[in-house]
Amino acid sequence: MALSGLLSDLSGVLRFTDKFTFASLSRHLSVI
């Protein structure tokens, strides 16, 4: 049970990181 909670937390963190990375990438691309 705790493992599934940890996995869901990890996926949430990865999703947030992916959004942040995509936003910074698009910002850099728009600057170029």
PDB file of N, CA and C in Angstrom:
ATOM      1  N   MET A   1       0.844  -1.199   0.000  1.00  0.00           N
ATOM      2  CA  MET A   1       0.000   0.000   0.000  1.00  0.00           C
ATOM      3  C   MET A   1       0.881   1.252   0.000  1.00  0.00           C
ATOM      4  N   ALA A   2       1.886   1.252   0.871  1.00  0.00           N
ATOM      5  CA  ALA A   2       2.781   2.411   0.941  1.00  0.00           C
ATOM      6  C   ALA A   2       3.566   2.561  -0.358  1.00  0.00           C
ATOM      7  N   LEU A   3       3.885   1.418  -0.983  1.00  0.00           N
ATOM      8  CA  LEU A   3       4.662   1.456  -2.221  1.00  0.00           C
ATOM      9  C   LEU A   3       3.866   2.129  -3.334  1.00  0.00           C
ATOM     10  N   SER A   4       2.566   1.818  -3.414  1.00  0.00           N
ATOM     11  CA  SER A   4       1.741   2.425  -4.466  1.00  0.00           C
ATOM     12  C   SER A   4       1.615   3.929  -4.229  1.00  0.00           C
ATOM     13  N   GLY A   5       1.550   4.330  -2.958  1.00  0.00           N
ATOM     14  CA  GLY A   5       1.476   5.754  -2.647  1.00  0.00           C
ATOM     15  C   GLY A   5       2.764   6.454  -3.050  1.00  0.00           C
ATOM     16  N   LEU A   6       3.886   5.780  -2.804  1.00  0.00           N
ATOM     17  CA  LEU A   6       5.188   6.340  -3.169  1.00  0.00           C
ATOM     18  C   LEU A   6       5.295   6.476  -4.683  1.00  0.00           C
ATOM     19  N   LEU A   7       4.805   5.468  -5.396  1.00  0.00           N
ATOM     20  CA  LEU A   7       4.860   5.503  -6.862  1.00  0.00           C
ATOM     21  C   LEU A   7       3.993   6.634  -7.406  1.00  0.00           C
ATOM     22  N   SER A   8       2.820   6.835  -6.806  1.00  0.00           N
ATOM     23  CA  SER A   8       1.941   7.902  -7.284  1.00  0.00           C
ATOM     24  C   SER A   8       2.581   9.265  -7.011  1.00  0.00           C
ATOM     25  N   ASP A   9       3.235   9.398  -5.863  1.00  0.00           N
ATOM     26  CA  ASP A   9       3.938  10.646  -5.547  1.00  0.00           C
ATOM     27  C   ASP A   9       5.061  10.883  -6.550  1.00  0.00           C
ATOM     28  N   LEU A  10       5.790   9.823  -6.873  1.00  0.00           N
ATOM     29  CA  LEU A  10       6.908   9.934  -7.805  1.00  0.00           C
ATOM     30  C   LEU A  10       6.413  10.337  -9.191  1.00  0.00           C
ATOM     31  N   SER A  11       5.307   9.734  -9.631  1.00  0.00           N
ATOM     32  CA  SER A  11       4.765  10.069 -10.953  1.00  0.00           C
ATOM     33  C   SER A  11       4.285  11.519 -10.966  1.00  0.00           C
ATOM     34  N   GLY A  12       3.726  11.981  -9.841  1.00  0.00           N
ATOM     35  CA  GLY A  12       3.273  13.365  -9.759  1.00  0.00           C
ATOM     36  C   GLY A  12       4.456  14.323  -9.852  1.00  0.00           C
ATOM     37  N   VAL A  13       5.547  13.976  -9.170  1.00  0.00           N
ATOM     38  CA  VAL A  13       6.754  14.810  -9.212  1.00  0.00           C
ATOM     39  C   VAL A  13       7.329  14.832 -10.623  1.00  0.00           C
ATOM     40  N   LEU A  14       7.348  13.668 -11.280  1.00  0.00           N
ATOM     41  CA  LEU A  14       7.883  13.594 -12.638  1.00  0.00           C
ATOM     42  C   LEU A  14       7.029  14.416 -13.592  1.00  0.00           C
ATOM     43  N   ARG A  15       5.705  14.348 -13.399  1.00  0.00           N
ATOM     44  CA  ARG A  15       4.811  15.109 -14.267  1.00  0.00           C
ATOM     45  C   ARG A  15       5.063  16.607 -14.084  1.00  0.00           C
ATOM     46  N   PHE A  16       5.221  17.041 -12.820  1.00  0.00           N
ATOM     47  CA  PHE A  16       5.486  18.449 -12.529  1.00  0.00           C
ATOM     48  C   PHE A  16       6.820  18.870 -13.138  1.00  0.00           C
ATOM     49  N   THR A  17       7.825  18.008 -13.016  1.00  0.00           N
ATOM     50  CA  THR A  17       9.144  18.311 -13.572  1.00  0.00           C
ATOM     51  C   THR A  17       9.084  18.398 -15.091  1.00  0.00           C
ATOM     52  N   ASP A  18       8.302  17.503 -15.709  1.00  0.00           N
ATOM     53  CA  ASP A  18       8.163  17.522 -17.168  1.00  0.00           C
ATOM     54  C   ASP A  18       7.521  18.831 -17.616  1.00  0.00           C
ATOM     55  N   LYS A  19       6.498  19.278 -16.881  1.00  0.00           N
ATOM     56  CA  LYS A  19       5.824  20.539 -17.230  1.00  0.00           C
ATOM     57  C   LYS A  19       6.807  21.697 -17.121  1.00  0.00           C
ATOM     58  N   PHE A  20       7.577  21.715 -16.030  1.00  0.00           N
ATOM     59  CA  PHE A  20       8.536  22.793 -15.804  1.00  0.00           C
ATOM     60  C   PHE A  20       9.610  22.796 -16.886  1.00  0.00           C
ATOM     61  N   THR A  21      10.097  21.600 -17.238  1.00  0.00           N
ATOM     62  CA  THR A  21      11.130  21.486 -18.270  1.00  0.00           C
ATOM     63  C   THR A  21      10.594  21.950 -19.618  1.00  0.00           C
ATOM     64  N   PHE A  22       9.367  21.555 -19.937  1.00  0.00           N
ATOM     65  CA  PHE A  22       8.774  21.946 -21.213  1.00  0.00           C
ATOM     66  C   PHE A  22       8.579  23.461 -21.266  1.00  0.00           C
ATOM     67  N   ALA A  23       8.156  24.055 -20.156  1.00  0.00           N
ATOM     68  CA  ALA A  23       7.944  25.502 -20.107  1.00  0.00           C
ATOM     69  C   ALA A  23       9.262  26.239 -20.315  1.00  0.00           C
ATOM     70  N   SER A  24      10.319  25.795 -19.650  1.00  0.00           N
ATOM     71  CA  SER A  24      11.623  26.458 -19.796  1.00  0.00           C
ATOM     72  C   SER A  24      12.162  26.257 -21.206  1.00  0.00           C
ATOM     73  N   LEU A  25      11.941  25.072 -21.790  1.00  0.00           N
ATOM     74  CA  LEU A  25      12.403  24.815 -23.157  1.00  0.00           C
ATOM     75  C   LEU A  25      11.680  25.718 -24.141  1.00  0.00           C
ATOM     76  N   SER A  26      10.370  25.842 -23.998  1.00  0.00           N
ATOM     77  CA  SER A  26       9.602  26.683 -24.919  1.00  0.00           C
ATOM     78  C   SER A  26      10.016  28.145 -24.765  1.00  0.00           C
ATOM     79  N   ARG A  27      10.354  28.546 -23.536  1.00  0.00           N
ATOM     80  CA  ARG A  27      10.786  29.926 -23.299  1.00  0.00           C
ATOM     81  C   ARG A  27      12.108  30.176 -24.016  1.00  0.00           C
ATOM     82  N   HIS A  28      13.038  29.235 -23.914  1.00  0.00           N
ATOM     83  CA  HIS A  28      14.339  29.384 -24.580  1.00  0.00           C
ATOM     84  C   HIS A  28      14.162  29.401 -26.095  1.00  0.00           C
ATOM     85  N   LEU A  29      13.252  28.564 -26.600  1.00  0.00           N
ATOM     86  CA  LEU A  29      13.037  28.495 -28.046  1.00  0.00           C
ATOM     87  C   LEU A  29      12.421  29.795 -28.559  1.00  0.00           C
ATOM     88  N   SER A  30      11.520  30.385 -27.772  1.00  0.00           N
ATOM     89  CA  SER A  30      10.880  31.626 -28.217  1.00  0.00           C
ATOM     90  C   SER A  30      11.889  32.776 -28.218  1.00  0.00           C
ATOM     91  N   VAL A  31      12.897  32.700 -27.341  1.00  0.00           N
ATOM     92  CA  VAL A  31      13.920  33.754 -27.278  1.00  0.00           C
ATOM     93  C   VAL A  31      14.797  33.706 -28.528  1.00  0.00           C
ATOM     94  N   ILE A  32      15.090  32.490 -28.988  1.00  0.00           N
ATOM     95  CA  ILE A  32      15.982  32.349 -30.147  1.00  0.00           C
ATOM     96  C   ILE A  32      15.334  32.937 -31.401  1.00  0.00           C
TER      97      ILE A  32
END
